[in-house]
Amino acid sequence: MIFGVGVDIIEVARVEDKLSRTPGLKEKLYTPVEIAYCESKKFPFQHYAARFAAKEAFMKALGTGWSRGVKFSEVEVRNLESGQPVLEVYGRARELCQEEGISRFYVTLSHLQTKAVATVILEK
């Protein structure tokens, strides 16, 4: 049964500007796995933007926004060997999912030169 669906779109330049001008923001928003993945790409900010959109889409699907103590770095986008993105949640994000009986996460990401979008579906 579907618990929630979230979608988010963001401008790549906005993410690039904030991450470039704010020391420590990258480490606050992203996990070491995400940072390593994005930095390995030719256009890393497209990948950072897509992951930011996924984190926002996750919170929309959960229905809580960022109001219940979840940190951005508690929602992580990883890639399987096939390239398929998957979500991992930690800390308060994991607790909320357990409280709601959410058992599966689905995520899809896409980006162009200027925009990134993500959709998240949560299943009970």
PDB file of N, CA and C in Angstrom:
ATOM      1  N   MET A   1       0.838  -1.180   0.000  1.00  0.00           N
ATOM      2  CA  MET A   1       0.000   0.000   0.000  1.00  0.00           C
ATOM      3  C   MET A   1       0.889   1.252   0.000  1.00  0.00           C
ATOM      4  N   ILE A   2       0.552   2.208  -0.832  1.00  0.00           N
ATOM      5  CA  ILE A   2       1.330   3.442  -0.887  1.00  0.00           C
ATOM      6  C   ILE A   2       1.003   4.306   0.323  1.00  0.00           C
ATOM      7  N   PHE A   3       2.043   4.733   1.021  1.00  0.00           N
ATOM      8  CA  PHE A   3       1.904   5.628   2.160  1.00  0.00           C
ATOM      9  C   PHE A   3       1.943   7.086   1.707  1.00  0.00           C
ATOM     10  N   GLY A   4       2.881   7.390   0.803  1.00  0.00           N
ATOM     11  CA  GLY A   4       3.021   8.770   0.349  1.00  0.00           C
ATOM     12  C   GLY A   4       3.872   8.886  -0.891  1.00  0.00           C
ATOM     13  N   VAL A   5       3.662   9.979  -1.613  1.00  0.00           N
ATOM     14  CA  VAL A   5       4.426  10.295  -2.815  1.00  0.00           C
ATOM     15  C   VAL A   5       4.922  11.726  -2.679  1.00  0.00           C
ATOM     16  N   GLY A   6       6.178  11.949  -3.040  1.00  0.00           N
ATOM     17  CA  GLY A   6       6.734  13.298  -3.019  1.00  0.00           C
ATOM     18  C   GLY A   6       7.541  13.553  -4.270  1.00  0.00           C
ATOM     19  N   VAL A   7       7.527  14.790  -4.717  1.00  0.00           N
ATOM     20  CA  VAL A   7       8.327  15.188  -5.875  1.00  0.00           C
ATOM     21  C   VAL A   7       8.938  16.549  -5.567  1.00  0.00           C
ATOM     22  N   ASP A   8      10.143  16.777  -6.066  1.00  0.00           N
ATOM     23  CA  ASP A   8      10.789  18.071  -5.889  1.00  0.00           C
ATOM     24  C   ASP A   8      11.645  18.359  -7.110  1.00  0.00           C
ATOM     25  N   ILE A   9      11.708  19.628  -7.467  1.00  0.00           N
ATOM     26  CA  ILE A   9      12.552  20.091  -8.564  1.00  0.00           C
ATOM     27  C   ILE A   9      13.366  21.273  -8.054  1.00  0.00           C
ATOM     28  N   ILE A  10      14.597  21.367  -8.502  1.00  0.00           N
ATOM     29  CA  ILE A  10      15.473  22.434  -8.028  1.00  0.00           C
ATOM     30  C   ILE A  10      16.411  22.870  -9.146  1.00  0.00           C
ATOM     31  N   GLU A  11      16.830  24.120  -9.079  1.00  0.00           N
ATOM     32  CA  GLU A  11      17.787  24.643 -10.053  1.00  0.00           C
ATOM     33  C   GLU A  11      19.196  24.247  -9.626  1.00  0.00           C
ATOM     34  N   VAL A  12      19.950  23.682 -10.542  1.00  0.00           N
ATOM     35  CA  VAL A  12      21.315  23.239 -10.265  1.00  0.00           C
ATOM     36  C   VAL A  12      22.179  24.421  -9.823  1.00  0.00           C
ATOM     37  N   ALA A  13      22.025  25.567 -10.469  1.00  0.00           N
ATOM     38  CA  ALA A  13      22.846  26.738 -10.144  1.00  0.00           C
ATOM     39  C   ALA A  13      22.629  27.194  -8.699  1.00  0.00           C
ATOM     40  N   ARG A  14      21.424  27.049  -8.202  1.00  0.00           N
ATOM     41  CA  ARG A  14      21.140  27.425  -6.807  1.00  0.00           C
ATOM     42  C   ARG A  14      21.913  26.542  -5.833  1.00  0.00           C
ATOM     43  N   VAL A  15      21.935  25.246  -6.107  1.00  0.00           N
ATOM     44  CA  VAL A  15      22.683  24.313  -5.263  1.00  0.00           C
ATOM     45  C   VAL A  15      24.178  24.608  -5.370  1.00  0.00           C
ATOM     46  N   GLU A  16      24.667  24.807  -6.578  1.00  0.00           N
ATOM     47  CA  GLU A  16      26.090  25.102  -6.769  1.00  0.00           C
ATOM     48  C   GLU A  16      26.487  26.370  -6.015  1.00  0.00           C
ATOM     49  N   ASP A  17      25.672  27.405  -6.109  1.00  0.00           N
ATOM     50  CA  ASP A  17      25.968  28.667  -5.434  1.00  0.00           C
ATOM     51  C   ASP A  17      26.042  28.479  -3.920  1.00  0.00           C
ATOM     52  N   LYS A  18      25.050  27.828  -3.347  1.00  0.00           N
ATOM     53  CA  LYS A  18      25.012  27.643  -1.886  1.00  0.00           C
ATOM     54  C   LYS A  18      26.173  26.776  -1.406  1.00  0.00           C
ATOM     55  N   LEU A  19      26.450  25.677  -2.097  1.00  0.00           N
ATOM     56  CA  LEU A  19      27.523  24.782  -1.666  1.00  0.00           C
ATOM     57  C   LEU A  19      28.901  25.430  -1.837  1.00  0.00           C
ATOM     58  N   SER A  20      29.046  26.252  -2.856  1.00  0.00           N
ATOM     59  CA  SER A  20      30.337  26.904  -3.119  1.00  0.00           C
ATOM     60  C   SER A  20      30.613  28.045  -2.143  1.00  0.00           C
ATOM     61  N   ARG A  21      29.562  28.713  -1.679  1.00  0.00           N
ATOM     62  CA  ARG A  21      29.735  29.893  -0.821  1.00  0.00           C
ATOM     63  C   ARG A  21      29.636  29.616   0.668  1.00  0.00           C
ATOM     64  N   THR A  22      29.160  28.437   1.059  1.00  0.00           N
ATOM     65  CA  THR A  22      28.907  28.165   2.478  1.00  0.00           C
ATOM     66  C   THR A  22      29.788  27.018   2.969  1.00  0.00           C
ATOM     67  N   PRO A  23      30.881  27.333   3.676  1.00  0.00           N
ATOM     68  CA  PRO A  23      31.758  26.276   4.187  1.00  0.00           C
ATOM     69  C   PRO A  23      30.998  25.320   5.113  1.00  0.00           C
ATOM     70  N   GLY A  24      31.235  24.029   4.921  1.00  0.00           N
ATOM     71  CA  GLY A  24      30.638  23.006   5.764  1.00  0.00           C
ATOM     72  C   GLY A  24      29.215  22.616   5.403  1.00  0.00           C
ATOM     73  N   LEU A  25      28.590  23.339   4.469  1.00  0.00           N
ATOM     74  CA  LEU A  25      27.200  23.022   4.115  1.00  0.00           C
ATOM     75  C   LEU A  25      27.092  21.660   3.437  1.00  0.00           C
ATOM     76  N   LYS A  26      28.061  21.360   2.580  1.00  0.00           N
ATOM     77  CA  LYS A  26      28.044  20.074   1.876  1.00  0.00           C
ATOM     78  C   LYS A  26      27.998  18.919   2.875  1.00  0.00           C
ATOM     79  N   GLU A  27      28.828  19.010   3.922  1.00  0.00           N
ATOM     80  CA  GLU A  27      28.895  17.939   4.934  1.00  0.00           C
ATOM     81  C   GLU A  27      27.648  17.913   5.823  1.00  0.00           C
ATOM     82  N   LYS A  28      26.958  19.023   5.910  1.00  0.00           N
ATOM     83  CA  LYS A  28      25.726  19.080   6.704  1.00  0.00           C
ATOM     84  C   LYS A  28      24.545  18.454   5.947  1.00  0.00           C
ATOM     85  N   LEU A  29      24.536  18.628   4.637  1.00  0.00           N
ATOM     86  CA  LEU A  29      23.412  18.168   3.824  1.00  0.00           C
ATOM     87  C   LEU A  29      23.571  16.753   3.279  1.00  0.00           C
ATOM     88  N   TYR A  30      24.819  16.349   3.048  1.00  0.00           N
ATOM     89  CA  TYR A  30      25.074  15.097   2.346  1.00  0.00           C
ATOM     90  C   TYR A  30      25.948  14.166   3.179  1.00  0.00           C
ATOM     91  N   THR A  31      25.768  12.876   2.951  1.00  0.00           N
ATOM     92  CA  THR A  31      26.592  11.878   3.633  1.00  0.00           C
ATOM     93  C   THR A  31      27.925  11.731   2.894  1.00  0.00           C
ATOM     94  N   PRO A  32      28.924  11.132   3.543  1.00  0.00           N
ATOM     95  CA  PRO A  32      30.200  10.887   2.843  1.00  0.00           C
ATOM     96  C   PRO A  32      30.025  10.063   1.560  1.00  0.00           C
ATOM     97  N   VAL A  33      29.098   9.125   1.561  1.00  0.00           N
ATOM     98  CA  VAL A  33      28.835   8.317   0.362  1.00  0.00           C
ATOM     99  C   VAL A  33      28.329   9.208  -0.770  1.00  0.00           C
ATOM    100  N   GLU A  34      27.411  10.106  -0.457  1.00  0.00           N
ATOM    101  CA  GLU A  34      26.865  11.003  -1.477  1.00  0.00           C
ATOM    102  C   GLU A  34      27.926  11.968  -1.997  1.00  0.00           C
ATOM    103  N   ILE A  35      28.719  12.508  -1.111  1.00  0.00           N
ATOM    104  CA  ILE A  35      29.769  13.444  -1.517  1.00  0.00           C
ATOM    105  C   ILE A  35      30.767  12.756  -2.440  1.00  0.00           C
ATOM    106  N   ALA A  36      31.191  11.560  -2.070  1.00  0.00           N
ATOM    107  CA  ALA A  36      32.146  10.820  -2.912  1.00  0.00           C
ATOM    108  C   ALA A  36      31.551  10.543  -4.292  1.00  0.00           C
ATOM    109  N   TYR A  37      30.290  10.151  -4.335  1.00  0.00           N
ATOM    110  CA  TYR A  37      29.639   9.869  -5.613  1.00  0.00           C
ATOM    111  C   TYR A  37      29.583  11.127  -6.474  1.00  0.00           C
ATOM    112  N   CYS A  38      29.072  12.215  -5.924  1.00  0.00           N
ATOM    113  CA  CYS A  38      28.919  13.457  -6.689  1.00  0.00           C
ATOM    114  C   CYS A  38      30.264  13.991  -7.168  1.00  0.00           C
ATOM    115  N   GLU A  39      31.258  13.957  -6.293  1.00  0.00           N
ATOM    116  CA  GLU A  39      32.577  14.484  -6.649  1.00  0.00           C
ATOM    117  C   GLU A  39      33.268  13.646  -7.725  1.00  0.00           C
ATOM    118  N   SER A  40      32.825  12.418  -7.920  1.00  0.00           N
ATOM    119  CA  SER A  40      33.427  11.565  -8.948  1.00  0.00           C
ATOM    120  C   SER A  40      32.876  11.861 -10.343  1.00  0.00           C
ATOM    121  N   LYS A  41      31.881  12.721 -10.427  1.00  0.00           N
ATOM    122  CA  LYS A  41      31.210  13.009 -11.696  1.00  0.00           C
ATOM    123  C   LYS A  41      31.785  14.256 -12.364  1.00  0.00           C
ATOM    124  N   LYS A  42      31.645  14.323 -13.680  1.00  0.00           N
ATOM    125  CA  LYS A  42      32.152  15.459 -14.452  1.00  0.00           C
ATOM    126  C   LYS A  42      31.427  16.754 -14.066  1.00  0.00           C
ATOM    127  N   PHE A  43      30.118  16.664 -13.802  1.00  0.00           N
ATOM    128  CA  PHE A  43      29.313  17.818 -13.407  1.00  0.00           C
ATOM    129  C   PHE A  43      28.685  17.522 -12.041  1.00  0.00           C
ATOM    130  N   PRO A  44      29.468  17.624 -10.973  1.00  0.00           N
ATOM    131  CA  PRO A  44      29.003  17.186  -9.656  1.00  0.00           C
ATOM    132  C   PRO A  44      27.760  17.904  -9.141  1.00  0.00           C
ATOM    133  N   PHE A  45      27.574  19.160  -9.494  1.00  0.00           N
ATOM    134  CA  PHE A  45      26.447  19.893  -8.915  1.00  0.00           C
ATOM    135  C   PHE A  45      25.100  19.425  -9.446  1.00  0.00           C
ATOM    136  N   GLN A  46      25.066  18.836 -10.631  1.00  0.00           N
ATOM    137  CA  GLN A  46      23.834  18.225 -11.118  1.00  0.00           C
ATOM    138  C   GLN A  46      23.433  17.061 -10.208  1.00  0.00           C
ATOM    139  N   HIS A  47      24.412  16.306  -9.752  1.00  0.00           N
ATOM    140  CA  HIS A  47      24.167  15.153  -8.896  1.00  0.00           C
ATOM    141  C   HIS A  47      23.834  15.585  -7.468  1.00  0.00           C
ATOM    142  N   TYR A  48      24.511  16.622  -6.976  1.00  0.00           N
ATOM    143  CA  TYR A  48      24.148  17.172  -5.669  1.00  0.00           C
ATOM    144  C   TYR A  48      22.706  17.676  -5.686  1.00  0.00           C
ATOM    145  N   ALA A  49      22.331  18.371  -6.756  1.00  0.00           N
ATOM    146  CA  ALA A  49      20.979  18.909  -6.860  1.00  0.00           C
ATOM    147  C   ALA A  49      19.935  17.793  -6.892  1.00  0.00           C
ATOM    148  N   ALA A  50      20.205  16.738  -7.640  1.00  0.00           N
ATOM    149  CA  ALA A  50      19.255  15.619  -7.707  1.00  0.00           C
ATOM    150  C   ALA A  50      19.089  14.966  -6.337  1.00  0.00           C
ATOM    151  N   ARG A  51      20.168  14.840  -5.593  1.00  0.00           N
ATOM    152  CA  ARG A  51      20.091  14.248  -4.259  1.00  0.00           C
ATOM    153  C   ARG A  51      19.366  15.169  -3.277  1.00  0.00           C
ATOM    154  N   PHE A  52      19.575  16.463  -3.413  1.00  0.00           N
ATOM    155  CA  PHE A  52      18.842  17.411  -2.579  1.00  0.00           C
ATOM    156  C   PHE A  52      17.344  17.300  -2.866  1.00  0.00           C
ATOM    157  N   ALA A  53      16.998  17.223  -4.141  1.00  0.00           N
ATOM    158  CA  ALA A  53      15.593  17.070  -4.520  1.00  0.00           C
ATOM    159  C   ALA A  53      15.010  15.779  -3.951  1.00  0.00           C
ATOM    160  N   ALA A  54      15.797  14.705  -3.933  1.00  0.00           N
ATOM    161  CA  ALA A  54      15.318  13.431  -3.379  1.00  0.00           C
ATOM    162  C   ALA A  54      15.048  13.542  -1.882  1.00  0.00           C
ATOM    163  N   LYS A  55      15.896  14.247  -1.167  1.00  0.00           N
ATOM    164  CA  LYS A  55      15.710  14.437   0.272  1.00  0.00           C
ATOM    165  C   LYS A  55      14.424  15.227   0.534  1.00  0.00           C
ATOM    166  N   GLU A  56      14.203  16.273  -0.245  1.00  0.00           N
ATOM    167  CA  GLU A  56      12.980  17.064  -0.125  1.00  0.00           C
ATOM    168  C   GLU A  56      11.751  16.220  -0.486  1.00  0.00           C
ATOM    169  N   ALA A  57      11.848  15.455  -1.570  1.00  0.00           N
ATOM    170  CA  ALA A  57      10.730  14.607  -1.993  1.00  0.00           C
ATOM    171  C   ALA A  57      10.417  13.552  -0.936  1.00  0.00           C
ATOM    172  N   PHE A  58      11.442  13.017  -0.292  1.00  0.00           N
ATOM    173  CA  PHE A  58      11.236  12.039   0.777  1.00  0.00           C
ATOM    174  C   PHE A  58      10.396  12.644   1.901  1.00  0.00           C
ATOM    175  N   MET A  59      10.759  13.856   2.328  1.00  0.00           N
ATOM    176  CA  MET A  59      10.032  14.487   3.429  1.00  0.00           C
ATOM    177  C   MET A  59       8.600  14.822   3.033  1.00  0.00           C
ATOM    178  N   LYS A  60       8.388  15.180   1.783  1.00  0.00           N
ATOM    179  CA  LYS A  60       7.024  15.420   1.310  1.00  0.00           C
ATOM    180  C   LYS A  60       6.219  14.128   1.335  1.00  0.00           C
ATOM    181  N   ALA A  61       6.826  13.042   0.900  1.00  0.00           N
ATOM    182  CA  ALA A  61       6.135  11.748   0.905  1.00  0.00           C
ATOM    183  C   ALA A  61       5.834  11.286   2.326  1.00  0.00           C
ATOM    184  N   LEU A  62       6.739  11.571   3.238  1.00  0.00           N
ATOM    185  CA  LEU A  62       6.545  11.205   4.639  1.00  0.00           C
ATOM    186  C   LEU A  62       5.460  12.068   5.282  1.00  0.00           C
ATOM    187  N   GLY A  63       5.268  13.262   4.745  1.00  0.00           N
ATOM    188  CA  GLY A  63       4.210  14.137   5.231  1.00  0.00           C
ATOM    189  C   GLY A  63       4.586  14.962   6.445  1.00  0.00           C
ATOM    190  N   THR A  64       5.880  15.048   6.725  1.00  0.00           N
ATOM    191  CA  THR A  64       6.298  15.765   7.929  1.00  0.00           C
ATOM    192  C   THR A  64       7.042  17.053   7.635  1.00  0.00           C
ATOM    193  N   GLY A  65       7.513  17.228   6.414  1.00  0.00           N
ATOM    194  CA  GLY A  65       8.429  18.336   6.178  1.00  0.00           C
ATOM    195  C   GLY A  65       9.660  18.109   7.038  1.00  0.00           C
ATOM    196  N   TRP A  66      10.379  19.164   7.330  1.00  0.00           N
ATOM    197  CA  TRP A  66      11.579  19.041   8.156  1.00  0.00           C
ATOM    198  C   TRP A  66      11.279  19.394   9.600  1.00  0.00           C
ATOM    199  N   SER A  67      10.002  19.335   9.976  1.00  0.00           N
ATOM    200  CA  SER A  67       9.591  19.829  11.295  1.00  0.00           C
ATOM    201  C   SER A  67       9.751  18.826  12.429  1.00  0.00           C
ATOM    202  N   ARG A  68      10.078  17.592  12.158  1.00  0.00           N
ATOM    203  CA  ARG A  68      10.109  16.586  13.222  1.00  0.00           C
ATOM    204  C   ARG A  68      11.513  16.078  13.527  1.00  0.00           C
ATOM    205  N   GLY A  69      12.501  16.938  13.353  1.00  0.00           N
ATOM    206  CA  GLY A  69      13.844  16.614  13.789  1.00  0.00           C
ATOM    207  C   GLY A  69      14.683  15.787  12.839  1.00  0.00           C
ATOM    208  N   VAL A  70      14.280  15.658  11.604  1.00  0.00           N
ATOM    209  CA  VAL A  70      15.058  14.893  10.628  1.00  0.00           C
ATOM    210  C   VAL A  70      16.112  15.806  10.019  1.00  0.00           C
ATOM    211  N   LYS A  71      17.339  15.299   9.936  1.00  0.00           N
ATOM    212  CA  LYS A  71      18.434  16.034   9.306  1.00  0.00           C
ATOM    213  C   LYS A  71      18.564  15.581   7.848  1.00  0.00           C
ATOM    214  N   PHE A  72      18.991  16.500   7.001  1.00  0.00           N
ATOM    215  CA  PHE A  72      19.174  16.157   5.586  1.00  0.00           C
ATOM    216  C   PHE A  72      20.096  14.957   5.430  1.00  0.00           C
ATOM    217  N   SER A  73      21.135  14.886   6.248  1.00  0.00           N
ATOM    218  CA  SER A  73      22.110  13.799   6.112  1.00  0.00           C
ATOM    219  C   SER A  73      21.571  12.458   6.607  1.00  0.00           C
ATOM    220  N   GLU A  74      20.362  12.430   7.169  1.00  0.00           N
ATOM    221  CA  GLU A  74      19.750  11.162   7.584  1.00  0.00           C
ATOM    222  C   GLU A  74      19.006  10.481   6.444  1.00  0.00           C
ATOM    223  N   VAL A  75      18.900  11.160   5.317  1.00  0.00           N
ATOM    224  CA  VAL A  75      18.291  10.601   4.114  1.00  0.00           C
ATOM    225  C   VAL A  75      19.394  10.538   3.068  1.00  0.00           C
ATOM    226  N   GLU A  76      19.747   9.344   2.658  1.00  0.00           N
ATOM    227  CA  GLU A  76      20.893   9.150   1.765  1.00  0.00           C
ATOM    228  C   GLU A  76      20.455   8.468   0.478  1.00  0.00           C
ATOM    229  N   VAL A  77      20.968   8.992  -0.637  1.00  0.00           N
ATOM    230  CA  VAL A  77      20.764   8.349  -1.937  1.00  0.00           C
ATOM    231  C   VAL A  77      22.041   7.597  -2.275  1.00  0.00           C
ATOM    232  N   ARG A  78      21.904   6.305  -2.469  1.00  0.00           N
ATOM    233  CA  ARG A  78      23.004   5.449  -2.915  1.00  0.00           C
ATOM    234  C   ARG A  78      22.656   4.928  -4.300  1.00  0.00           C
ATOM    235  N   ASN A  79      23.655   4.411  -4.986  1.00  0.00           N
ATOM    236  CA  ASN A  79      23.407   3.799  -6.284  1.00  0.00           C
ATOM    237  C   ASN A  79      23.840   2.345  -6.251  1.00  0.00           C
ATOM    238  N   LEU A  80      22.965   1.478  -6.759  1.00  0.00           N
ATOM    239  CA  LEU A  80      23.329   0.077  -6.929  1.00  0.00           C
ATOM    240  C   LEU A  80      24.349  -0.036  -8.061  1.00  0.00           C
ATOM    241  N   GLU A  81      24.957  -1.185  -8.203  1.00  0.00           N
ATOM    242  CA  GLU A  81      25.933  -1.383  -9.280  1.00  0.00           C
ATOM    243  C   GLU A  81      25.333  -1.098 -10.648  1.00  0.00           C
ATOM    244  N   SER A  82      24.039  -1.354 -10.782  1.00  0.00           N
ATOM    245  CA  SER A  82      23.344  -1.102 -12.047  1.00  0.00           C
ATOM    246  C   SER A  82      23.165   0.390 -12.314  1.00  0.00           C
ATOM    247  N   GLY A  83      23.391   1.217 -11.286  1.00  0.00           N
ATOM    248  CA  GLY A  83      23.176   2.651 -11.400  1.00  0.00           C
ATOM    249  C   GLY A  83      21.863   3.096 -10.784  1.00  0.00           C
ATOM    250  N   GLN A  84      20.990   2.143 -10.496  1.00  0.00           N
ATOM    251  CA  GLN A  84      19.685   2.481  -9.913  1.00  0.00           C
ATOM    252  C   GLN A  84      19.865   3.162  -8.560  1.00  0.00           C
ATOM    253  N   PRO A  85      19.205   4.317  -8.369  1.00  0.00           N
ATOM    254  CA  PRO A  85      19.293   4.976  -7.060  1.00  0.00           C
ATOM    255  C   PRO A  85      18.376   4.296  -6.047  1.00  0.00           C
ATOM    256  N   VAL A  86      18.821   4.253  -4.814  1.00  0.00           N
ATOM    257  CA  VAL A  86      18.017   3.711  -3.709  1.00  0.00           C
ATOM    258  C   VAL A  86      18.177   4.645  -2.513  1.00  0.00           C
ATOM    259  N   LEU A  87      17.187   4.642  -1.642  1.00  0.00           N
ATOM    260  CA  LEU A  87      17.238   5.458  -0.436  1.00  0.00           C
ATOM    261  C   LEU A  87      17.613   4.621   0.771  1.00  0.00           C
ATOM    262  N   GLU A  88      18.429   5.198   1.630  1.00  0.00           N
ATOM    263  CA  GLU A  88      18.743   4.657   2.950  1.00  0.00           C
ATOM    264  C   GLU A  88      18.388   5.756   3.942  1.00  0.00           C
ATOM    265  N   VAL A  89      17.774   5.382   5.055  1.00  0.00           N
ATOM    266  CA  VAL A  89      17.445   6.385   6.065  1.00  0.00           C
ATOM    267  C   VAL A  89      18.057   5.984   7.398  1.00  0.00           C
ATOM    268  N   TYR A  90      18.411   6.997   8.173  1.00  0.00           N
ATOM    269  CA  TYR A  90      19.089   6.800   9.445  1.00  0.00           C
ATOM    270  C   TYR A  90      18.431   7.684  10.503  1.00  0.00           C
ATOM    271  N   GLY A  91      18.780   7.451  11.748  1.00  0.00           N
ATOM    272  CA  GLY A  91      18.391   8.334  12.834  1.00  0.00           C
ATOM    273  C   GLY A  91      16.898   8.568  12.926  1.00  0.00           C
ATOM    274  N   ARG A  92      16.526   9.829  13.086  1.00  0.00           N
ATOM    275  CA  ARG A  92      15.118  10.213  13.257  1.00  0.00           C
ATOM    276  C   ARG A  92      14.287   9.845  12.029  1.00  0.00           C
ATOM    277  N   ALA A  93      14.850   9.948  10.844  1.00  0.00           N
ATOM    278  CA  ALA A  93      14.124   9.567   9.624  1.00  0.00           C
ATOM    279  C   ALA A  93      13.724   8.097   9.678  1.00  0.00           C
ATOM    280  N   ARG A  94      14.640   7.261  10.128  1.00  0.00           N
ATOM    281  CA  ARG A  94      14.351   5.828  10.248  1.00  0.00           C
ATOM    282  C   ARG A  94      13.274   5.576  11.302  1.00  0.00           C
ATOM    283  N   GLU A  95      13.372   6.277  12.445  1.00  0.00           N
ATOM    284  CA  GLU A  95      12.369   6.132  13.510  1.00  0.00           C
ATOM    285  C   GLU A  95      10.974   6.477  13.005  1.00  0.00           C
ATOM    286  N   LEU A  96      10.852   7.572  12.269  1.00  0.00           N
ATOM    287  CA  LEU A  96       9.546   7.976  11.750  1.00  0.00           C
ATOM    288  C   LEU A  96       8.994   6.944  10.772  1.00  0.00           C
ATOM    289  N   CYS A  97       9.857   6.402   9.935  1.00  0.00           N
ATOM    290  CA  CYS A  97       9.418   5.363   8.995  1.00  0.00           C
ATOM    291  C   CYS A  97       8.933   4.128   9.743  1.00  0.00           C
ATOM    292  N   GLN A  98       9.656   3.739  10.783  1.00  0.00           N
ATOM    293  CA  GLN A  98       9.246   2.589  11.580  1.00  0.00           C
ATOM    294  C   GLN A  98       7.916   2.851  12.280  1.00  0.00           C
ATOM    295  N   GLU A  99       7.742   4.047  12.837  1.00  0.00           N
ATOM    296  CA  GLU A  99       6.487   4.408  13.505  1.00  0.00           C
ATOM    297  C   GLU A  99       5.298   4.327  12.550  1.00  0.00           C
ATOM    298  N   GLU A 100       5.514   4.686  11.295  1.00  0.00           N
ATOM    299  CA  GLU A 100       4.436   4.689  10.302  1.00  0.00           C
ATOM    300  C   GLU A 100       4.293   3.351   9.583  1.00  0.00           C
ATOM    301  N   GLY A 101       5.190   2.403   9.846  1.00  0.00           N
ATOM    302  CA  GLY A 101       5.126   1.097   9.200  1.00  0.00           C
ATOM    303  C   GLY A 101       5.599   1.113   7.757  1.00  0.00           C
ATOM    304  N   ILE A 102       6.410   2.085   7.402  1.00  0.00           N
ATOM    305  CA  ILE A 102       6.923   2.182   6.031  1.00  0.00           C
ATOM    306  C   ILE A 102       8.030   1.148   5.846  1.00  0.00           C
ATOM    307  N   SER A 103       7.861   0.309   4.828  1.00  0.00           N
ATOM    308  CA  SER A 103       8.784  -0.807   4.647  1.00  0.00           C
ATOM    309  C   SER A 103       9.636  -0.712   3.377  1.00  0.00           C
ATOM    310  N   ARG A 104       9.207   0.089   2.405  1.00  0.00           N
ATOM    311  CA  ARG A 104       9.963   0.187   1.156  1.00  0.00           C
ATOM    312  C   ARG A 104       9.993   1.624   0.675  1.00  0.00           C
ATOM    313  N   PHE A 105      11.103   1.966   0.027  1.00  0.00           N
ATOM    314  CA  PHE A 105      11.288   3.289  -0.552  1.00  0.00           C
ATOM    315  C   PHE A 105      11.577   3.129  -2.040  1.00  0.00           C
ATOM    316  N   TYR A 106      10.999   3.993  -2.835  1.00  0.00           N
ATOM    317  CA  TYR A 106      11.300   4.035  -4.260  1.00  0.00           C
ATOM    318  C   TYR A 106      11.730   5.457  -4.584  1.00  0.00           C
ATOM    319  N   VAL A 107      12.796   5.600  -5.359  1.00  0.00           N
ATOM    320  CA  VAL A 107      13.274   6.927  -5.730  1.00  0.00           C
ATOM    321  C   VAL A 107      13.722   6.919  -7.183  1.00  0.00           C
ATOM    322  N   THR A 108      13.419   7.994  -7.856  1.00  0.00           N
ATOM    323  CA  THR A 108      13.933   8.188  -9.199  1.00  0.00           C
ATOM    324  C   THR A 108      14.450   9.612  -9.298  1.00  0.00           C
ATOM    325  N   LEU A 109      15.572   9.770  -9.977  1.00  0.00           N
ATOM    326  CA  LEU A 109      16.237  11.061 -10.124  1.00  0.00           C
ATOM    327  C   LEU A 109      16.425  11.363 -11.599  1.00  0.00           C
ATOM    328  N   SER A 110      16.412  12.639 -11.932  1.00  0.00           N
ATOM    329  CA  SER A 110      16.748  13.046 -13.288  1.00  0.00           C
ATOM    330  C   SER A 110      17.306  14.458 -13.230  1.00  0.00           C
ATOM    331  N   HIS A 111      18.200  14.754 -14.138  1.00  0.00           N
ATOM    332  CA  HIS A 111      18.734  16.109 -14.177  1.00  0.00           C
ATOM    333  C   HIS A 111      19.121  16.495 -15.598  1.00  0.00           C
ATOM    334  N   LEU A 112      19.027  17.786 -15.815  1.00  0.00           N
ATOM    335  CA  LEU A 112      19.517  18.428 -17.024  1.00  0.00           C
ATOM    336  C   LEU A 112      20.637  19.353 -16.590  1.00  0.00           C
ATOM    337  N   GLN A 113      21.143  20.126 -17.492  1.00  0.00           N
ATOM    338  CA  GLN A 113      22.212  21.063 -17.145  1.00  0.00           C
ATOM    339  C   GLN A 113      21.757  22.057 -16.085  1.00  0.00           C
ATOM    340  N   THR A 114      20.491  22.464 -16.121  1.00  0.00           N
ATOM    341  CA  THR A 114      20.030  23.538 -15.240  1.00  0.00           C
ATOM    342  C   THR A 114      19.048  23.127 -14.151  1.00  0.00           C
ATOM    343  N   LYS A 115      18.438  21.964 -14.253  1.00  0.00           N
ATOM    344  CA  LYS A 115      17.419  21.545 -13.289  1.00  0.00           C
ATOM    345  C   LYS A 115      17.636  20.089 -12.889  1.00  0.00           C
ATOM    346  N   ALA A 116      17.186  19.770 -11.673  1.00  0.00           N
ATOM    347  CA  ALA A 116      17.193  18.377 -11.205  1.00  0.00           C
ATOM    348  C   ALA A 116      15.839  18.108 -10.560  1.00  0.00           C
ATOM    349  N   VAL A 117      15.372  16.884 -10.692  1.00  0.00           N
ATOM    350  CA  VAL A 117      14.075  16.501 -10.153  1.00  0.00           C
ATOM    351  C   VAL A 117      14.187  15.113  -9.523  1.00  0.00           C
ATOM    352  N   ALA A 118      13.368  14.878  -8.505  1.00  0.00           N
ATOM    353  CA  ALA A 118      13.315  13.557  -7.871  1.00  0.00           C
ATOM    354  C   ALA A 118      11.888  13.261  -7.463  1.00  0.00           C
ATOM    355  N   THR A 119      11.550  11.992  -7.530  1.00  0.00           N
ATOM    356  CA  THR A 119      10.263  11.505  -7.042  1.00  0.00           C
ATOM    357  C   THR A 119      10.534  10.375  -6.069  1.00  0.00           C
ATOM    358  N   VAL A 120       9.811  10.382  -4.943  1.00  0.00           N
ATOM    359  CA  VAL A 120       9.948   9.345  -3.931  1.00  0.00           C
ATOM    360  C   VAL A 120       8.556   8.774  -3.637  1.00  0.00           C
ATOM    361  N   ILE A 121       8.477   7.458  -3.570  1.00  0.00           N
ATOM    362  CA  ILE A 121       7.258   6.762  -3.140  1.00  0.00           C
ATOM    363  C   ILE A 121       7.607   5.939  -1.913  1.00  0.00           C
ATOM    364  N   LEU A 122       6.773   6.057  -0.895  1.00  0.00           N
ATOM    365  CA  LEU A 122       6.939   5.278   0.341  1.00  0.00           C
ATOM    366  C   LEU A 122       5.813   4.271   0.421  1.00  0.00           C
ATOM    367  N   GLU A 123       6.169   3.034   0.768  1.00  0.00           N
ATOM    368  CA  GLU A 123       5.195   1.935   0.793  1.00  0.00           C
ATOM    369  C   GLU A 123       5.123   1.329   2.186  1.00  0.00           C
ATOM    370  N   LYS A 124       3.910   1.034   2.603  1.00  0.00           N
ATOM    371  CA  LYS A 124       3.691   0.357   3.881  1.00  0.00           C
ATOM    372  C   LYS A 124       3.669  -1.134   3.660  1.00  0.00           C
TER     373      LYS A 124
END
